[in-house]
N, C-alpha and C. Protein backbone atom coordinates (compact mmCIF):
# COMPACT_ATOMS: atom_id res chain seq x y z
N GLY A 1 -5.82 -37.19 3.18
CA GLY A 1 -6.20 -35.53 3.55
C GLY A 1 -4.71 -34.97 3.44
N TYR A 2 -4.93 -33.75 3.19
CA TYR A 2 -3.86 -32.70 3.20
C TYR A 2 -3.57 -32.31 4.67
N ALA A 3 -2.57 -32.67 5.31
CA ALA A 3 -2.18 -32.17 6.68
C ALA A 3 -0.90 -31.17 6.68
N LEU A 4 -0.94 -29.86 6.84
CA LEU A 4 0.03 -29.03 6.85
C LEU A 4 1.25 -29.30 7.61
N LEU A 5 0.94 -29.73 9.08
CA LEU A 5 2.13 -30.18 9.89
C LEU A 5 2.06 -31.72 9.95
N SER A 6 1.63 -32.27 8.99
CA SER A 6 2.01 -33.81 9.04
C SER A 6 3.32 -34.15 8.71
N ARG A 7 4.21 -35.32 9.70
CA ARG A 7 5.20 -35.65 8.97
C ARG A 7 5.61 -36.47 7.92
N LYS A 8 4.20 -36.71 7.02
CA LYS A 8 4.18 -37.46 6.26
C LYS A 8 4.18 -37.15 4.92
N LYS A 9 4.76 -37.54 3.73
CA LYS A 9 4.88 -37.01 2.53
C LYS A 9 3.51 -37.17 1.93
N ASN A 10 3.03 -36.22 1.06
CA ASN A 10 1.68 -36.45 0.52
C ASN A 10 1.83 -37.26 -0.84
N CYS A 11 3.13 -37.70 -1.34
CA CYS A 11 3.14 -38.40 -2.29
C CYS A 11 3.21 -39.94 -2.12
N HIS A 12 3.26 -40.84 -2.86
CA HIS A 12 3.23 -42.26 -2.75
C HIS A 12 4.58 -43.00 -2.64
N ALA A 13 4.65 -43.79 -1.44
CA ALA A 13 5.92 -44.13 -1.03
C ALA A 13 6.60 -44.90 -2.03
N ARG A 14 6.01 -45.65 -3.18
CA ARG A 14 6.69 -46.20 -4.07
C ARG A 14 7.35 -45.35 -4.91
N TRP A 15 7.34 -44.05 -5.27
CA TRP A 15 7.80 -43.16 -5.97
C TRP A 15 9.23 -42.77 -5.55
N GLY A 16 9.41 -42.79 -4.14
CA GLY A 16 10.74 -42.42 -3.57
C GLY A 16 12.12 -43.02 -4.47
N PRO A 17 12.32 -44.15 -4.57
CA PRO A 17 13.43 -44.63 -5.14
C PRO A 17 13.47 -44.00 -6.73
N ASP A 18 12.18 -43.94 -7.49
CA ASP A 18 12.63 -43.19 -8.94
C ASP A 18 12.63 -41.71 -8.80
N VAL A 19 12.31 -41.26 -7.71
CA VAL A 19 12.43 -39.52 -7.40
C VAL A 19 14.06 -39.51 -7.17
N ARG A 20 14.66 -40.13 -6.31
CA ARG A 20 16.10 -40.14 -6.06
C ARG A 20 17.04 -40.62 -7.28
N ARG A 21 16.65 -41.07 -8.16
CA ARG A 21 17.45 -41.37 -9.40
C ARG A 21 17.07 -40.29 -10.12
N ASP A 22 16.40 -39.04 -10.51
CA ASP A 22 16.15 -38.26 -11.19
C ASP A 22 16.77 -36.73 -10.96
N ILE A 23 17.90 -36.59 -11.57
CA ILE A 23 18.87 -35.70 -11.21
C ILE A 23 17.82 -34.03 -11.76
N VAL A 24 17.00 -33.91 -12.90
CA VAL A 24 16.50 -32.97 -13.01
C VAL A 24 15.71 -32.25 -11.89
N PHE A 25 15.07 -33.52 -11.43
CA PHE A 25 14.00 -33.15 -10.46
C PHE A 25 14.82 -32.84 -9.15
N SER A 26 15.85 -33.47 -8.73
CA SER A 26 16.17 -33.11 -7.31
C SER A 26 16.92 -31.92 -7.86
N PHE A 27 17.38 -31.46 -8.90
CA PHE A 27 18.36 -30.11 -9.13
C PHE A 27 17.29 -28.97 -8.94
N SER A 28 16.08 -29.42 -9.49
CA SER A 28 14.81 -28.35 -9.26
C SER A 28 14.53 -27.91 -7.60
N CYS A 29 14.78 -28.83 -6.75
CA CYS A 29 14.98 -28.46 -5.33
C CYS A 29 16.00 -27.42 -5.08
N LEU A 30 16.94 -27.73 -5.66
CA LEU A 30 18.21 -27.02 -5.22
C LEU A 30 18.23 -25.59 -5.82
N ALA A 31 17.81 -25.64 -7.07
CA ALA A 31 17.61 -24.24 -7.76
C ALA A 31 17.17 -23.02 -6.70
N PHE A 32 16.25 -23.29 -5.55
CA PHE A 32 16.10 -22.18 -4.76
C PHE A 32 17.51 -21.80 -3.71
N SER A 33 18.22 -22.71 -3.84
CA SER A 33 19.84 -22.54 -2.87
C SER A 33 20.34 -21.44 -3.58
N PHE A 34 20.70 -22.11 -5.01
CA PHE A 34 21.66 -21.22 -5.80
C PHE A 34 20.96 -19.40 -6.28
N ALA A 35 19.69 -19.79 -6.56
CA ALA A 35 19.16 -18.30 -6.28
C ALA A 35 19.08 -17.39 -5.21
N GLY A 36 19.02 -18.11 -4.01
CA GLY A 36 19.27 -17.40 -2.60
C GLY A 36 20.55 -16.64 -2.29
N MET A 37 21.31 -17.64 -2.89
CA MET A 37 22.99 -17.51 -2.93
C MET A 37 23.46 -16.04 -3.94
N TRP A 38 22.61 -15.90 -4.86
CA TRP A 38 22.43 -15.15 -5.80
C TRP A 38 21.86 -13.77 -5.11
N ALA A 39 21.08 -14.12 -4.55
CA ALA A 39 20.12 -12.65 -4.07
C ALA A 39 21.02 -12.02 -2.92
N MET A 40 21.78 -13.15 -2.00
CA MET A 40 22.52 -12.50 -0.98
C MET A 40 23.57 -11.75 -1.36
N ALA A 41 24.18 -12.31 -2.65
CA ALA A 41 25.44 -11.78 -2.99
C ALA A 41 25.39 -10.28 -3.86
N TYR A 42 24.22 -10.02 -4.54
CA TYR A 42 23.76 -9.01 -4.90
C TYR A 42 22.56 -8.08 -4.23
N ALA A 43 22.55 -8.27 -3.15
CA ALA A 43 21.24 -7.32 -2.42
C ALA A 43 21.55 -5.88 -2.90
N ASP A 44 22.92 -5.45 -2.49
CA ASP A 44 22.64 -3.93 -2.89
C ASP A 44 22.56 -3.27 -4.26
N ASP A 45 23.15 -4.37 -5.08
CA ASP A 45 22.74 -3.86 -6.73
C ASP A 45 21.57 -4.08 -7.05
N VAL A 46 20.77 -5.23 -6.48
CA VAL A 46 19.40 -5.11 -6.72
C VAL A 46 18.44 -3.74 -6.18
N LEU A 47 19.06 -3.54 -5.13
CA LEU A 47 18.31 -2.26 -4.44
C LEU A 47 18.49 -1.18 -5.28
N ARG A 48 19.95 -0.68 -5.55
CA ARG A 48 20.19 0.23 -6.57
C ARG A 48 19.40 0.60 -7.75
N TRP A 49 19.14 -0.78 -8.26
CA TRP A 49 18.68 -1.10 -9.65
C TRP A 49 17.39 -0.66 -9.55
N LEU A 50 16.55 -1.13 -8.50
CA LEU A 50 15.11 -0.83 -8.39
C LEU A 50 15.13 0.73 -8.06
N ASP A 51 15.90 1.42 -7.32
CA ASP A 51 15.52 2.86 -7.11
C ASP A 51 16.09 3.36 -8.31
N ASN A 52 16.78 3.02 -9.34
CA ASN A 52 17.07 3.73 -10.11
C ASN A 52 17.80 4.97 -10.39
N GLY A 53 18.72 5.11 -9.27
CA GLY A 53 19.31 6.47 -9.01
C GLY A 53 18.36 7.23 -7.97
N LYS A 54 17.25 7.17 -7.95
CA LYS A 54 16.33 7.98 -6.61
C LYS A 54 16.26 6.86 -5.54
N ALA A 55 17.21 7.76 -4.66
CA ALA A 55 17.30 6.85 -2.94
C ALA A 55 16.17 7.06 -2.49
N GLY A 56 15.52 5.95 -1.99
CA GLY A 56 14.49 5.87 -1.12
C GLY A 56 13.09 5.75 -2.02
N SER A 57 13.33 5.13 -3.41
CA SER A 57 12.03 5.40 -4.20
C SER A 57 11.41 4.07 -3.87
N TRP A 58 12.12 3.14 -2.97
CA TRP A 58 11.74 1.84 -2.73
C TRP A 58 11.81 1.57 -1.24
N PRO A 59 11.10 2.36 -0.58
CA PRO A 59 11.02 2.48 1.16
C PRO A 59 10.91 1.03 1.62
N TYR A 60 10.14 0.25 1.24
CA TYR A 60 9.73 -0.82 1.77
C TYR A 60 11.01 -1.90 1.76
N PHE A 61 11.62 -1.99 0.69
CA PHE A 61 12.57 -2.85 0.43
C PHE A 61 13.73 -2.13 0.67
N LYS A 62 14.80 -3.01 1.42
CA LYS A 62 16.18 -2.77 2.11
C LYS A 62 17.34 -3.87 1.51
N ALA A 63 18.25 -3.82 1.33
CA ALA A 63 19.25 -4.61 1.11
C ALA A 63 19.15 -5.94 2.23
N TRP A 64 19.22 -5.67 3.32
CA TRP A 64 18.81 -6.60 4.27
C TRP A 64 17.76 -7.66 3.95
N HIS A 65 16.49 -6.99 3.47
CA HIS A 65 15.56 -7.61 3.14
C HIS A 65 15.98 -8.82 1.98
N PHE A 66 16.65 -8.41 1.10
CA PHE A 66 16.91 -9.38 -0.13
C PHE A 66 17.95 -10.11 0.41
N ARG A 67 18.50 -10.12 1.21
CA ARG A 67 19.66 -10.95 2.21
C ARG A 67 19.23 -12.06 3.08
N ARG A 68 17.91 -11.76 3.63
CA ARG A 68 17.36 -12.30 4.59
C ARG A 68 16.43 -13.37 3.72
N GLU A 69 15.97 -12.90 2.50
CA GLU A 69 15.14 -13.80 1.72
C GLU A 69 16.02 -14.71 0.94
N GLY A 70 17.05 -14.28 0.80
CA GLY A 70 18.18 -15.05 0.23
C GLY A 70 18.39 -16.26 0.71
N ALA A 71 19.07 -15.93 2.25
CA ALA A 71 19.18 -17.00 3.40
C ALA A 71 18.13 -18.01 3.32
N SER A 72 16.93 -17.51 3.29
CA SER A 72 15.63 -18.18 3.44
C SER A 72 15.67 -19.13 2.29
N CYS A 73 15.88 -18.53 0.97
CA CYS A 73 16.01 -19.36 -0.26
C CYS A 73 17.15 -20.75 0.03
N VAL A 74 18.16 -20.12 0.44
CA VAL A 74 19.32 -21.26 0.73
C VAL A 74 18.72 -22.63 1.55
N MET A 75 17.79 -22.15 2.88
CA MET A 75 17.66 -22.99 3.32
C MET A 75 16.04 -23.81 2.78
N GLN A 76 15.39 -23.13 1.98
CA GLN A 76 14.22 -23.66 1.38
C GLN A 76 14.67 -24.85 0.44
N GLY A 77 15.94 -24.52 -0.40
CA GLY A 77 16.39 -25.38 -1.36
C GLY A 77 17.01 -26.87 -0.61
N ILE A 78 17.41 -26.39 0.56
CA ILE A 78 18.00 -27.63 1.23
C ILE A 78 16.64 -28.65 2.04
N LEU A 79 15.64 -27.62 2.56
CA LEU A 79 14.63 -28.37 2.76
C LEU A 79 13.72 -28.96 1.62
N SER A 80 13.72 -28.36 0.55
CA SER A 80 12.81 -29.40 -0.44
C SER A 80 13.79 -30.36 -0.87
N LEU A 81 15.02 -30.41 -0.92
CA LEU A 81 15.78 -31.89 -1.47
C LEU A 81 15.30 -32.63 -0.38
N LEU A 82 15.70 -32.30 0.89
CA LEU A 82 15.51 -33.25 2.09
C LEU A 82 13.96 -34.03 1.77
N SER A 83 12.71 -32.91 1.77
CA SER A 83 11.45 -33.56 1.78
C SER A 83 11.25 -34.12 0.45
N ASP A 84 11.37 -33.55 -0.61
CA ASP A 84 10.71 -34.08 -1.85
C ASP A 84 11.79 -35.19 -2.29
N VAL A 85 13.01 -35.30 -2.04
CA VAL A 85 13.74 -36.32 -2.66
C VAL A 85 14.19 -37.35 -1.75
N ILE A 86 15.32 -36.63 -0.67
CA ILE A 86 15.73 -37.86 0.04
C ILE A 86 14.56 -38.55 1.01
N TYR A 87 13.96 -38.07 1.90
CA TYR A 87 12.91 -38.42 2.92
C TYR A 87 11.57 -38.78 2.15
N MET A 88 11.37 -38.69 0.73
CA MET A 88 9.94 -38.58 0.25
C MET A 88 9.24 -39.83 0.78
N ASP A 89 9.72 -40.97 0.79
CA ASP A 89 9.07 -42.19 1.02
C ASP A 89 9.06 -42.50 2.70
N GLN A 90 9.60 -41.58 3.41
CA GLN A 90 9.46 -41.73 4.78
C GLN A 90 8.93 -40.67 5.65
N ARG A 91 8.51 -40.95 7.01
CA ARG A 91 8.08 -39.90 7.81
C ARG A 91 9.34 -38.93 8.18
N SER A 92 8.86 -38.11 8.30
CA SER A 92 10.07 -36.98 8.68
C SER A 92 9.60 -35.35 8.98
N ILE A 93 10.27 -34.68 9.83
CA ILE A 93 9.90 -33.45 10.17
C ILE A 93 10.47 -32.82 9.09
N PHE A 94 11.08 -33.00 8.08
CA PHE A 94 11.29 -32.16 6.56
C PHE A 94 10.00 -31.64 5.97
N HIS A 95 9.17 -32.70 6.10
CA HIS A 95 7.80 -32.19 5.44
C HIS A 95 7.14 -31.45 5.63
N PRO A 96 6.77 -31.21 7.00
CA PRO A 96 6.07 -29.90 7.36
C PRO A 96 7.11 -28.73 6.87
N ALA A 97 8.39 -28.73 7.67
CA ALA A 97 9.14 -27.72 7.71
C ALA A 97 9.08 -27.07 6.22
N ASP A 98 9.28 -28.07 5.23
CA ASP A 98 9.22 -27.58 3.71
C ASP A 98 7.82 -26.91 3.46
N ARG A 99 6.86 -27.42 3.84
CA ARG A 99 5.45 -27.12 3.60
C ARG A 99 5.40 -25.37 3.82
N LEU A 100 5.88 -25.26 5.33
CA LEU A 100 5.62 -23.97 6.16
C LEU A 100 6.34 -22.93 5.40
N MET A 101 7.91 -23.27 4.85
CA MET A 101 8.86 -22.49 4.74
C MET A 101 8.41 -21.84 3.11
N ALA A 102 8.02 -23.27 2.37
CA ALA A 102 7.40 -22.93 1.01
C ALA A 102 6.17 -21.99 0.72
N ILE A 103 5.43 -22.00 1.95
CA ILE A 103 4.09 -21.21 1.82
C ILE A 103 4.70 -19.54 2.37
N ALA A 104 5.49 -19.45 3.49
CA ALA A 104 5.96 -18.30 3.37
C ALA A 104 6.89 -17.48 2.57
N LEU A 105 7.76 -18.23 1.84
CA LEU A 105 8.51 -17.82 0.82
C LEU A 105 7.63 -17.31 -0.26
N THR A 106 6.80 -18.27 -0.65
CA THR A 106 5.92 -18.10 -1.88
C THR A 106 5.12 -16.35 -1.57
N LEU A 107 4.63 -16.39 -0.35
CA LEU A 107 3.98 -15.03 -0.34
C LEU A 107 4.92 -14.10 -0.20
N ILE A 108 5.97 -14.18 0.28
CA ILE A 108 6.91 -12.97 0.62
C ILE A 108 7.39 -12.66 -1.12
N ALA A 109 7.72 -14.05 -1.91
CA ALA A 109 8.35 -13.49 -3.28
C ALA A 109 7.12 -13.20 -4.35
N LEU A 110 5.98 -13.41 -4.13
CA LEU A 110 4.77 -12.88 -4.95
C LEU A 110 4.49 -11.74 -4.26
N TYR A 111 4.87 -10.92 -3.44
CA TYR A 111 4.68 -9.74 -3.10
C TYR A 111 5.89 -8.81 -3.61
N PHE A 112 7.02 -9.46 -3.50
CA PHE A 112 8.37 -8.47 -4.03
C PHE A 112 7.97 -8.56 -5.81
N GLU A 113 7.84 -9.75 -6.44
CA GLU A 113 7.59 -9.81 -7.72
C GLU A 113 6.55 -9.35 -8.37
N LEU A 114 5.25 -9.05 -7.75
CA LEU A 114 4.23 -8.34 -7.90
C LEU A 114 4.64 -6.56 -7.92
N SER A 115 5.30 -6.23 -6.90
CA SER A 115 5.86 -5.04 -6.51
C SER A 115 6.62 -4.87 -7.85
N VAL A 116 7.75 -5.50 -8.54
CA VAL A 116 8.51 -5.06 -9.36
C VAL A 116 7.63 -4.92 -10.50
N ILE A 117 6.80 -6.11 -11.03
CA ILE A 117 6.03 -5.69 -11.86
C ILE A 117 5.03 -4.71 -12.36
N VAL A 118 4.93 -4.13 -11.14
CA VAL A 118 3.80 -2.71 -10.87
C VAL A 118 4.71 -1.62 -10.94
N PHE A 119 5.75 -1.63 -10.05
CA PHE A 119 6.34 -0.39 -10.13
C PHE A 119 8.14 -0.06 -10.39
N SER A 120 8.70 -1.40 -10.97
CA SER A 120 9.95 -0.92 -11.68
C SER A 120 9.78 -0.72 -12.87
N HIS A 121 11.17 -0.24 -13.32
CA HIS A 121 11.32 0.42 -14.40
C HIS A 121 11.80 -0.72 -15.63
N MET A 122 11.17 -1.66 -15.33
CA MET A 122 11.34 -2.97 -16.34
C MET A 122 10.77 -2.69 -17.45
N PRO A 123 11.30 -3.09 -18.59
CA PRO A 123 10.42 -2.86 -19.66
C PRO A 123 9.06 -3.85 -19.88
N THR A 124 8.27 -3.47 -20.50
CA THR A 124 6.99 -4.12 -20.55
C THR A 124 6.98 -5.50 -20.74
N ALA A 125 7.82 -5.96 -21.84
CA ALA A 125 8.17 -7.13 -22.36
C ALA A 125 8.73 -8.15 -21.23
N LEU A 126 9.72 -7.45 -20.44
CA LEU A 126 10.12 -8.59 -18.95
C LEU A 126 9.06 -8.29 -17.89
N ARG A 127 8.28 -7.27 -17.95
CA ARG A 127 7.15 -7.77 -16.89
C ARG A 127 5.94 -8.54 -17.04
N VAL A 128 5.70 -8.77 -18.35
CA VAL A 128 4.97 -9.72 -19.26
C VAL A 128 5.92 -11.08 -18.90
N LEU A 129 7.02 -11.22 -18.98
CA LEU A 129 7.78 -12.16 -18.82
C LEU A 129 7.86 -12.99 -17.55
N GLN A 130 7.91 -11.61 -16.63
CA GLN A 130 7.73 -12.27 -15.32
C GLN A 130 6.34 -12.64 -14.65
N ALA A 131 5.42 -12.17 -15.14
CA ALA A 131 4.15 -12.57 -14.81
C ALA A 131 3.80 -13.75 -15.18
N VAL A 132 4.37 -14.15 -16.71
CA VAL A 132 3.98 -15.45 -17.18
C VAL A 132 4.81 -17.05 -16.37
N LEU A 133 5.94 -16.52 -15.93
CA LEU A 133 6.67 -17.28 -15.05
C LEU A 133 6.07 -17.71 -13.76
N ILE A 134 5.51 -16.64 -13.28
CA ILE A 134 4.72 -16.83 -12.10
C ILE A 134 3.41 -17.63 -12.06
N LEU A 135 2.56 -17.23 -13.33
CA LEU A 135 1.40 -18.20 -13.54
C LEU A 135 1.86 -19.45 -13.87
N ILE A 136 2.60 -19.71 -14.74
CA ILE A 136 3.30 -21.15 -15.01
C ILE A 136 3.88 -21.81 -13.47
N GLY A 137 4.34 -21.20 -12.69
CA GLY A 137 4.61 -21.79 -11.70
C GLY A 137 3.57 -22.18 -10.59
N LEU A 138 2.68 -21.14 -10.58
CA LEU A 138 1.59 -21.57 -10.01
C LEU A 138 0.76 -22.60 -10.29
N ASN A 139 0.51 -22.56 -11.36
CA ASN A 139 -0.05 -23.59 -12.26
C ASN A 139 0.36 -24.88 -12.17
N SER A 140 1.62 -24.90 -12.38
CA SER A 140 2.25 -26.07 -12.23
C SER A 140 2.25 -27.00 -11.01
N HIS A 141 2.08 -25.91 -9.72
CA HIS A 141 2.15 -26.14 -8.70
C HIS A 141 0.83 -27.19 -8.13
N PHE A 142 -0.21 -26.58 -8.97
CA PHE A 142 -1.21 -27.15 -8.71
C PHE A 142 -1.64 -28.26 -9.09
N ALA A 143 -1.02 -28.20 -10.61
CA ALA A 143 -1.48 -29.56 -11.41
C ALA A 143 -0.23 -30.74 -10.86
N ALA A 144 0.82 -30.09 -10.35
CA ALA A 144 1.47 -31.30 -9.21
C ALA A 144 0.57 -31.96 -8.34
N LYS A 145 -0.20 -31.23 -7.72
CA LYS A 145 -0.94 -31.85 -6.54
C LYS A 145 -2.41 -32.63 -7.11
N LEU A 146 -2.66 -32.31 -8.14
CA LEU A 146 -3.72 -33.03 -8.82
C LEU A 146 -2.97 -34.50 -9.15
N ALA A 147 -1.48 -34.33 -10.02
CA ALA A 147 -1.10 -35.67 -10.16
C ALA A 147 -0.93 -36.58 -8.97
N ILE A 148 -0.60 -36.03 -8.01
CA ILE A 148 -0.46 -37.02 -6.65
C ILE A 148 -2.05 -37.53 -6.68
N VAL A 149 -2.80 -36.82 -6.37
CA VAL A 149 -4.24 -37.58 -6.24
C VAL A 149 -4.59 -38.36 -7.25
N ARG A 150 -4.14 -38.57 -8.37
CA ARG A 150 -4.27 -39.67 -9.72
C ARG A 150 -3.41 -40.58 -9.94
N ARG A 151 -2.52 -40.46 -8.81
CA ARG A 151 -1.52 -41.32 -9.03
C ARG A 151 -0.50 -41.52 -10.17
N GLN A 152 -0.40 -40.23 -10.42
CA GLN A 152 0.62 -40.12 -12.02
C GLN A 152 1.89 -39.75 -11.77
N TYR A 153 2.76 -40.56 -11.57
CA TYR A 153 4.07 -40.05 -11.12
C TYR A 153 4.90 -39.22 -12.32
N THR A 154 4.78 -39.68 -13.58
CA THR A 154 5.56 -38.90 -14.62
C THR A 154 4.99 -37.19 -14.53
N LEU A 155 3.69 -37.39 -14.60
CA LEU A 155 3.05 -36.07 -14.33
C LEU A 155 3.57 -34.86 -13.24
N TYR A 156 3.52 -35.83 -12.01
CA TYR A 156 3.89 -35.25 -10.72
C TYR A 156 5.47 -34.87 -10.70
N VAL A 157 6.32 -35.34 -11.36
CA VAL A 157 7.36 -35.33 -11.46
C VAL A 157 7.60 -33.87 -12.43
N ARG A 158 6.95 -33.86 -13.48
CA ARG A 158 7.06 -32.70 -14.30
C ARG A 158 6.56 -31.39 -13.74
N HIS A 159 5.62 -31.62 -13.25
CA HIS A 159 4.79 -30.46 -12.90
C HIS A 159 5.75 -29.75 -11.83
N HIS A 160 5.85 -30.67 -10.57
CA HIS A 160 6.35 -30.29 -9.43
C HIS A 160 8.02 -29.70 -9.81
N SER A 161 8.73 -30.13 -10.74
CA SER A 161 9.93 -29.49 -11.18
C SER A 161 9.34 -28.28 -11.59
N THR A 162 8.64 -28.23 -12.58
CA THR A 162 8.41 -27.03 -13.45
C THR A 162 7.76 -25.94 -12.52
N TRP A 163 7.07 -25.99 -11.27
CA TRP A 163 6.95 -25.30 -10.44
C TRP A 163 8.20 -24.72 -9.72
N HIS A 164 8.95 -25.31 -9.57
CA HIS A 164 10.55 -25.10 -8.82
C HIS A 164 10.92 -24.03 -9.82
N TYR A 165 11.26 -24.81 -10.96
CA TYR A 165 12.06 -23.73 -12.14
C TYR A 165 11.31 -22.74 -12.53
N ALA A 166 10.21 -22.45 -12.75
CA ALA A 166 9.48 -21.30 -13.07
C ALA A 166 9.38 -20.30 -11.90
N ILE A 167 9.12 -20.51 -10.76
CA ILE A 167 9.22 -19.73 -9.47
C ILE A 167 10.58 -19.00 -9.17
N VAL A 168 11.69 -19.88 -9.32
CA VAL A 168 13.05 -19.66 -9.18
C VAL A 168 13.44 -18.40 -10.59
N ALA A 169 13.39 -18.97 -11.65
CA ALA A 169 13.56 -18.00 -12.72
C ALA A 169 12.57 -16.61 -12.71
N SER A 170 11.39 -16.77 -12.05
CA SER A 170 10.60 -15.22 -11.82
C SER A 170 11.47 -14.56 -10.69
N MET A 171 11.89 -15.33 -9.78
CA MET A 171 12.84 -14.30 -8.58
C MET A 171 13.98 -14.07 -9.05
N VAL A 172 14.72 -14.90 -10.20
CA VAL A 172 16.04 -14.27 -10.46
C VAL A 172 15.92 -13.06 -11.43
N LEU A 173 15.08 -13.34 -12.39
CA LEU A 173 14.71 -12.12 -13.32
C LEU A 173 15.58 -10.79 -12.93
N PRO A 174 14.77 -10.28 -11.78
CA PRO A 174 14.89 -8.92 -11.44
C PRO A 174 16.67 -8.67 -10.90
N ILE A 175 16.95 -9.79 -10.27
CA ILE A 175 18.32 -9.99 -9.89
C ILE A 175 19.32 -10.05 -10.89
N HIS A 176 18.82 -10.71 -12.16
CA HIS A 176 19.81 -11.02 -13.25
C HIS A 176 19.96 -9.22 -14.15
N LEU A 177 18.65 -8.87 -13.95
CA LEU A 177 18.79 -7.37 -14.50
C LEU A 177 19.76 -6.45 -13.91
N ALA A 178 19.66 -6.75 -12.63
CA ALA A 178 20.68 -5.62 -11.66
C ALA A 178 22.06 -6.16 -11.46
N THR A 179 22.43 -7.36 -11.85
CA THR A 179 23.62 -8.10 -11.58
C THR A 179 24.25 -7.68 -12.56
N PHE A 180 23.59 -7.85 -13.96
CA PHE A 180 24.43 -7.14 -15.23
C PHE A 180 24.27 -6.17 -15.82
N GLY A 181 23.70 -5.24 -14.79
CA GLY A 181 23.76 -3.85 -15.52
C GLY A 181 22.48 -3.58 -16.42
N TYR A 182 21.29 -3.77 -16.36
CA TYR A 182 20.40 -3.34 -17.31
C TYR A 182 19.95 -2.00 -17.07
N VAL A 183 20.26 -1.50 -18.06
CA VAL A 183 19.95 0.00 -18.31
C VAL A 183 18.51 0.32 -19.14
N ARG A 184 17.78 1.10 -18.84
CA ARG A 184 16.79 1.42 -19.54
C ARG A 184 16.84 2.29 -21.07
């Protein structure tokens, strides 16, 4: 069974050595950290981009929210690497820490991203792209869980990596637009 606070990884112990050799999978874990550093560095630009020159049009989002979420993403990348790769085949406190942080950050990111999709001045095509990235990420997460149950290592690695990359891509889309001066 799935236990949120269990110190045991929900994958099969024999997968550990193979996962540790998979660079693409390991990098997918750290992708959160890179996105978090970018969010922290450009928090003011993201807020300015969201406001589109109208001060206070995004009253629930402040620059420190982005910096705090960015710092949390840096921590999540480290926890993900420790839980999903380094200690995958061992009992570790990193497994429940990774699960809890991932749930919290996913909910926060979904709130932010859905707000951007609905209320920002992004063109429709980019809103659709962001929504598709979110859906691919969530679908891949559930597909990875199913691969664990079915003991399908290759599918697990593919879907879990896709979950990481798609969710990170959906998070960095607005940061990218703000950083590189997208003008509508």
